[in-house]
Amino acid sequence: MFEQFATERVDTGETSVFVRYGGEGPPLLLLHGHPRTSATWHRVAPLLVERGFTVVCPDLRGYGRSRGPKPTSDHAAHSKRAVAQDMVGVMRALGHERFGLIGHDRGAAVALRLVLDHPSAVTRVAFLDGLPISEHLKRADARFATAWWHWFFFAQPHIPERVINADPDAWYRGDPQKMGVENHEEWRAATRNPDVVRAMLEDYRAGLTIDREHEEADHARGTRIHCPVLVLWSLQDDLEDLYGDPRDIWQHWAHDVQGHGIDSGHHMAEEAPRPLSTAIGDFFTL
């Protein structure tokens, strides 16, 4: 897994970020979602290196082998703004002032905050199976709450930690055949660490509070994404069923939006690496 990739820990001040990187050419920053680690990209990253890119895959703050500050009462320590700042620091430490940006699931929320807060750092951005958190919550009807009830469960104080840590294997179920054995082992080790579980929950607590406030403030100011945007979604997941064409929602946030569905379940980097890497490679080949 990740043959010919280097690994490093980057100290950004508040955090120690575990990162994998490899290849030569224009840099791409790949941000994983919940409850994965950077290993989720193990099938996609080599294909993008073959396309001529430098590929950087970090563990987000508190996920996997990255470590950050203790949670705060306002959840700012795990806000997407804080995580986005981590990622800018990682890329600068690796010598990349400008880069292409790809975020999946919760990583898409970080990618949105990064491109809004640091627009000069991003050449192009791809959002995979993601919408702005505020757009999800704006449409949070009974159907959404039934399908995505975990958002609201994770936001409760103390209870989810007790439930998940009592039997993490029962809560976080993964298939080593679909994921790849080494990816599955790394993911399983992370989800059995109570500090990682707490950080992942803080990610969601921040989402319903401070992250939502940041997005709504940006939208009220008319802040938009000015670089080209690629939107990809899993056809076997429920994003399109809940909202229709996700590109229509992203049009309210960006000037230049393109994209399409991928025939995959939610973890498209593991289930459909070749179609995904082709779509990413084509979009970021300027």
Protein backbone atom coordinates (compact mmCIF):
# COMPACT_ATOMS: atom_id res chain seq x y z
CA MET A 1 0.00 0.00 0.00
CA PHE A 2 1.41 3.40 -1.07
CA GLU A 3 4.58 1.91 -2.54
CA GLN A 4 7.18 4.59 -3.31
CA PHE A 5 5.29 7.11 -1.15
CA ALA A 6 7.08 8.86 1.69
CA THR A 7 5.51 9.39 5.11
CA GLU A 8 6.11 12.30 7.44
CA ARG A 9 4.74 14.07 10.48
CA VAL A 10 4.22 17.79 9.97
CA ASP A 11 4.01 19.98 13.06
CA THR A 12 1.69 22.88 12.31
CA GLY A 13 1.85 24.36 15.81
CA GLU A 14 -1.47 23.09 17.16
CA THR A 15 -1.30 19.72 15.45
CA SER A 16 0.95 16.88 14.40
CA VAL A 17 -0.31 15.77 10.99
CA PHE A 18 0.54 12.35 9.57
CA VAL A 19 0.92 12.60 5.81
CA ARG A 20 1.75 10.37 2.87
CA TYR A 21 3.08 11.88 -0.35
CA GLY A 22 4.59 10.78 -3.63
CA GLY A 23 4.98 11.50 -7.32
CA GLU A 24 6.16 14.44 -9.36
CA GLY A 25 4.22 17.20 -11.05
CA PRO A 26 1.35 19.50 -10.07
CA PRO A 27 0.39 18.89 -6.42
CA LEU A 28 -2.98 17.45 -5.40
CA LEU A 29 -4.18 17.40 -1.80
CA LEU A 30 -6.61 14.53 -1.06
CA LEU A 31 -8.79 14.82 2.07
CA HIS A 32 -10.57 11.72 3.38
CA GLY A 33 -13.94 11.51 5.08
CA HIS A 34 -15.40 9.88 8.20
CA PRO A 35 -14.41 7.41 9.60
CA ARG A 36 -11.54 6.78 7.20
CA THR A 37 -7.86 7.75 7.20
CA SER A 38 -5.51 8.79 4.41
CA ALA A 39 -5.24 5.06 3.58
CA THR A 40 -8.65 5.26 1.89
CA TRP A 41 -6.82 6.72 -1.15
CA HIS A 42 -4.45 3.74 -1.51
CA ARG A 43 -5.96 2.67 -4.85
CA VAL A 44 -6.43 6.18 -6.25
CA ALA A 45 -3.13 7.81 -5.27
CA PRO A 46 -0.86 5.59 -7.43
CA LEU A 47 -3.12 6.11 -10.44
CA LEU A 48 -2.84 9.89 -10.03
CA VAL A 49 0.95 9.59 -9.72
CA GLU A 50 0.87 7.71 -13.04
CA ARG A 51 -1.05 10.66 -14.50
CA GLY A 52 1.87 12.94 -13.55
CA PHE A 53 0.77 14.48 -10.25
CA THR A 54 2.37 14.89 -6.85
CA VAL A 55 -0.19 13.39 -4.46
CA VAL A 56 -0.46 14.37 -0.78
CA CYS A 57 -2.73 12.33 1.53
CA PRO A 58 -2.91 13.52 5.17
CA ASP A 59 -4.92 12.21 8.11
CA LEU A 60 -7.26 15.03 9.15
CA ARG A 61 -6.89 16.58 12.61
CA GLY A 62 -7.58 13.89 15.21
CA TYR A 63 -8.25 11.16 12.64
CA GLY A 64 -5.92 8.22 12.02
CA ARG A 65 -2.43 9.07 13.22
CA SER A 66 -2.83 12.86 13.30
CA ARG A 67 -3.15 14.53 16.68
CA GLY A 68 -4.53 17.90 17.63
CA PRO A 69 -5.53 19.96 20.65
CA LYS A 70 -8.07 18.90 23.21
CA PRO A 71 -11.71 19.61 22.37
CA THR A 72 -13.09 23.00 23.34
CA SER A 73 -16.57 23.88 24.54
CA ASP A 74 -17.32 25.83 21.35
CA HIS A 75 -15.83 23.02 19.20
CA ALA A 76 -13.53 25.53 17.47
CA ALA A 77 -10.54 23.23 18.00
CA HIS A 78 -12.10 20.80 15.53
CA SER A 79 -13.75 23.30 13.22
CA LYS A 80 -13.25 23.02 9.48
CA ARG A 81 -11.48 26.39 9.63
CA ALA A 82 -8.87 24.95 12.01
CA VAL A 83 -8.46 21.78 9.94
CA ALA A 84 -8.17 23.78 6.71
CA GLN A 85 -5.39 25.83 8.29
CA ASP A 86 -3.62 22.56 9.16
CA MET A 87 -3.79 21.49 5.53
CA VAL A 88 -2.37 24.77 4.24
CA GLY A 89 0.46 24.35 6.73
CA VAL A 90 1.14 20.80 5.56
CA MET A 91 1.29 21.81 1.92
CA ARG A 92 3.60 24.73 2.63
CA ALA A 93 5.87 22.46 4.68
CA LEU A 94 6.09 20.18 1.65
CA GLY A 95 6.89 23.13 -0.62
CA HIS A 96 3.48 23.66 -2.24
CA GLU A 97 2.03 27.19 -2.10
CA ARG A 98 -0.69 26.41 -4.68
CA PHE A 99 -2.34 23.06 -5.26
CA GLY A 100 -5.36 21.19 -6.50
CA LEU A 101 -7.79 20.14 -3.77
CA ILE A 102 -10.01 17.06 -3.47
CA GLY A 103 -12.26 16.35 -0.49
CA HIS A 104 -14.59 13.40 0.16
CA ASP A 105 -17.44 13.39 2.68
CA ARG A 106 -16.21 15.34 5.76
CA GLY A 107 -13.07 16.11 3.78
CA ALA A 108 -15.32 17.95 1.32
CA ALA A 109 -16.44 20.26 4.14
CA VAL A 110 -12.78 20.94 4.96
CA ALA A 111 -12.08 21.55 1.28
CA LEU A 112 -14.90 24.11 1.11
CA ARG A 113 -13.55 26.00 4.11
CA LEU A 114 -10.00 25.87 2.73
CA VAL A 115 -10.95 27.27 -0.68
CA LEU A 116 -13.06 30.02 0.93
CA ASP A 117 -10.45 31.00 3.54
CA HIS A 118 -7.38 30.55 1.32
CA PRO A 119 -8.56 31.10 -2.26
CA SER A 120 -5.11 32.01 -3.57
CA ALA A 121 -3.78 28.59 -2.50
CA VAL A 122 -6.23 26.51 -4.58
CA THR A 123 -6.04 26.07 -8.35
CA ARG A 124 -9.12 23.86 -8.68
CA VAL A 125 -11.30 21.95 -6.24
CA ALA A 126 -13.27 18.69 -6.36
CA PHE A 127 -16.05 17.84 -3.92
CA LEU A 128 -16.86 14.11 -3.66
CA ASP A 129 -20.12 13.00 -2.04
CA GLY A 130 -20.41 16.31 -0.26
CA LEU A 131 -22.41 19.52 0.04
CA PRO A 132 -21.91 22.52 2.31
CA ILE A 133 -22.99 21.51 5.81
CA SER A 134 -25.35 24.48 5.97
CA GLU A 135 -27.10 23.27 2.79
CA HIS A 136 -27.68 19.85 4.35
CA LEU A 137 -29.11 21.44 7.49
CA LYS A 138 -31.27 23.86 5.52
CA ARG A 139 -32.96 20.80 3.99
CA ALA A 140 -33.02 18.67 7.15
CA ASP A 141 -36.52 17.21 6.99
CA ALA A 142 -37.72 13.92 8.48
CA ARG A 143 -36.30 11.98 5.54
CA PHE A 144 -32.85 13.48 6.04
CA ALA A 145 -32.99 12.96 9.81
CA THR A 146 -33.95 9.30 9.34
CA ALA A 147 -31.20 8.59 6.81
CA TRP A 148 -28.48 10.72 8.46
CA TRP A 149 -29.52 10.41 12.09
CA HIS A 150 -25.89 9.83 13.11
CA TRP A 151 -25.16 13.56 12.58
CA PHE A 152 -27.46 14.38 15.49
CA PHE A 153 -26.45 11.41 17.62
CA PHE A 154 -22.76 12.32 17.29
CA ALA A 155 -23.57 15.86 18.43
CA GLN A 156 -24.80 14.68 21.84
CA PRO A 157 -22.37 15.18 24.74
CA HIS A 158 -20.66 12.06 26.15
CA ILE A 159 -23.25 9.48 25.06
CA PRO A 160 -21.81 8.56 21.63
CA GLU A 161 -18.31 8.07 23.07
CA ARG A 162 -19.70 5.56 25.57
CA VAL A 163 -21.72 3.71 22.95
CA ILE A 164 -19.00 3.54 20.28
CA ASN A 165 -16.06 2.73 22.55
CA ALA A 166 -18.01 -0.10 24.18
CA ASP A 167 -17.78 -2.06 20.90
CA PRO A 168 -16.09 -0.11 18.07
CA ASP A 169 -16.04 -3.16 15.77
CA ALA A 170 -19.82 -3.40 15.95
CA TRP A 171 -20.27 0.32 15.34
CA TYR A 172 -17.67 0.87 12.60
CA ARG A 173 -18.13 -2.05 10.26
CA GLY A 174 -15.68 -2.44 7.40
CA ASP A 175 -15.10 -5.06 4.73
CA PRO A 176 -11.41 -5.89 4.18
CA GLN A 177 -12.23 -7.26 0.73
CA LYS A 178 -13.74 -3.96 -0.40
CA MET A 179 -11.36 -1.72 1.52
CA GLY A 180 -8.14 -3.67 1.00
CA VAL A 181 -6.59 -5.57 3.91
CA GLU A 182 -3.98 -2.97 4.91
CA ASN A 183 -6.42 -0.08 4.63
CA HIS A 184 -8.91 -2.02 6.75
CA GLU A 185 -6.28 -2.77 9.41
CA GLU A 186 -5.24 0.88 9.64
CA TRP A 187 -8.85 2.06 9.80
CA ARG A 188 -9.70 -0.54 12.45
CA ALA A 189 -6.76 0.47 14.64
CA ALA A 190 -7.86 4.12 14.43
CA THR A 191 -11.49 3.45 15.31
CA ARG A 192 -10.43 1.45 18.39
CA ASN A 193 -8.57 4.47 19.77
CA PRO A 194 -10.86 6.50 22.11
CA ASP A 195 -8.94 9.72 21.33
CA VAL A 196 -9.62 9.27 17.62
CA VAL A 197 -13.28 8.50 18.27
CA ARG A 198 -13.58 11.69 20.36
CA ALA A 199 -11.97 13.79 17.63
CA MET A 200 -14.25 12.33 14.96
CA LEU A 201 -17.27 13.16 17.08
CA GLU A 202 -15.97 16.69 17.64
CA ASP A 203 -15.81 17.03 13.85
CA TYR A 204 -19.59 16.50 13.75
CA ARG A 205 -20.25 18.69 16.79
CA ALA A 206 -18.37 21.48 15.10
CA GLY A 207 -20.37 20.87 11.94
CA LEU A 208 -23.71 21.58 13.58
CA THR A 209 -22.44 24.69 15.36
CA ILE A 210 -19.38 26.75 14.45
CA ASP A 211 -18.95 25.32 10.93
CA ARG A 212 -22.55 26.06 10.08
CA GLU A 213 -22.13 29.62 11.40
CA HIS A 214 -19.01 30.16 9.26
CA GLU A 215 -20.75 28.91 6.12
CA GLU A 216 -23.88 30.97 6.70
CA ALA A 217 -21.76 34.09 7.27
CA ASP A 218 -19.92 33.48 4.00
CA HIS A 219 -23.15 32.94 2.13
CA ALA A 220 -24.70 36.09 3.58
CA ARG A 221 -21.66 38.08 2.39
CA GLY A 222 -21.95 36.58 -1.07
CA THR A 223 -18.57 34.86 -0.80
CA ARG A 224 -18.13 32.44 -3.69
CA ILE A 225 -15.59 29.99 -5.06
CA HIS A 226 -13.86 31.52 -8.05
CA CYS A 227 -11.75 28.57 -9.23
CA PRO A 228 -13.26 25.71 -11.28
CA VAL A 229 -15.26 23.13 -9.27
CA LEU A 230 -15.77 19.42 -9.93
CA VAL A 231 -18.68 17.69 -8.18
CA LEU A 232 -18.75 13.88 -8.12
CA TRP A 233 -21.27 11.74 -6.29
CA SER A 234 -21.85 8.02 -5.72
CA LEU A 235 -24.81 6.73 -7.69
CA GLN A 236 -25.35 3.91 -5.17
CA ASP A 237 -25.47 6.37 -2.24
CA ASP A 238 -28.34 8.68 -1.30
CA LEU A 239 -27.05 12.20 -2.10
CA GLU A 240 -28.91 12.49 -5.39
CA ASP A 241 -32.00 10.77 -3.97
CA LEU A 242 -32.22 13.35 -1.19
CA TYR A 243 -31.37 16.50 -3.14
CA GLY A 244 -31.53 15.89 -6.87
CA ASP A 245 -28.53 16.96 -8.92
CA PRO A 246 -25.87 18.14 -6.40
CA ARG A 247 -24.41 20.51 -9.01
CA ASP A 248 -27.53 22.65 -8.72
CA ILE A 249 -26.76 23.32 -5.05
CA TRP A 250 -23.07 23.97 -5.69
CA GLN A 251 -24.06 26.58 -8.31
CA HIS A 252 -25.03 28.82 -5.37
CA TRP A 253 -21.43 28.65 -4.09
CA ALA A 254 -19.30 28.68 -7.22
CA HIS A 255 -19.15 30.28 -10.65
CA ASP A 256 -17.85 27.29 -12.61
CA VAL A 257 -19.34 23.89 -11.67
CA GLN A 258 -19.14 20.62 -13.57
CA GLY A 259 -19.33 16.97 -12.61
CA HIS A 260 -21.22 13.69 -12.78
CA GLY A 261 -22.15 10.58 -10.84
CA ILE A 262 -19.80 7.65 -10.24
CA ASP A 263 -21.19 4.08 -10.24
CA SER A 264 -20.14 3.26 -6.69
CA GLY A 265 -21.17 3.10 -3.08
CA HIS A 266 -20.24 5.92 -0.73
CA HIS A 267 -16.52 5.08 -0.40
CA MET A 268 -15.78 5.67 -4.07
CA ALA A 269 -11.99 5.83 -3.64
CA GLU A 270 -12.07 2.20 -2.49
CA GLU A 271 -14.90 0.91 -4.68
CA ALA A 272 -14.36 2.74 -7.99
CA PRO A 273 -10.73 3.93 -8.03
CA ARG A 274 -10.24 3.93 -11.81
CA PRO A 275 -13.31 5.97 -12.80
CA LEU A 276 -12.60 8.32 -9.90
CA SER A 277 -8.92 8.79 -10.73
CA THR A 278 -9.80 9.34 -14.39
CA ALA A 279 -12.33 12.04 -13.51
CA ILE A 280 -9.87 13.74 -11.12
CA GLY A 281 -6.94 13.42 -13.49
CA ASP A 282 -8.88 14.88 -16.42
CA PHE A 283 -10.19 17.79 -14.39
CA PHE A 284 -6.84 18.75 -12.88
CA THR A 285 -4.88 18.37 -16.11
CA LEU A 286 -4.86 22.03 -17.14
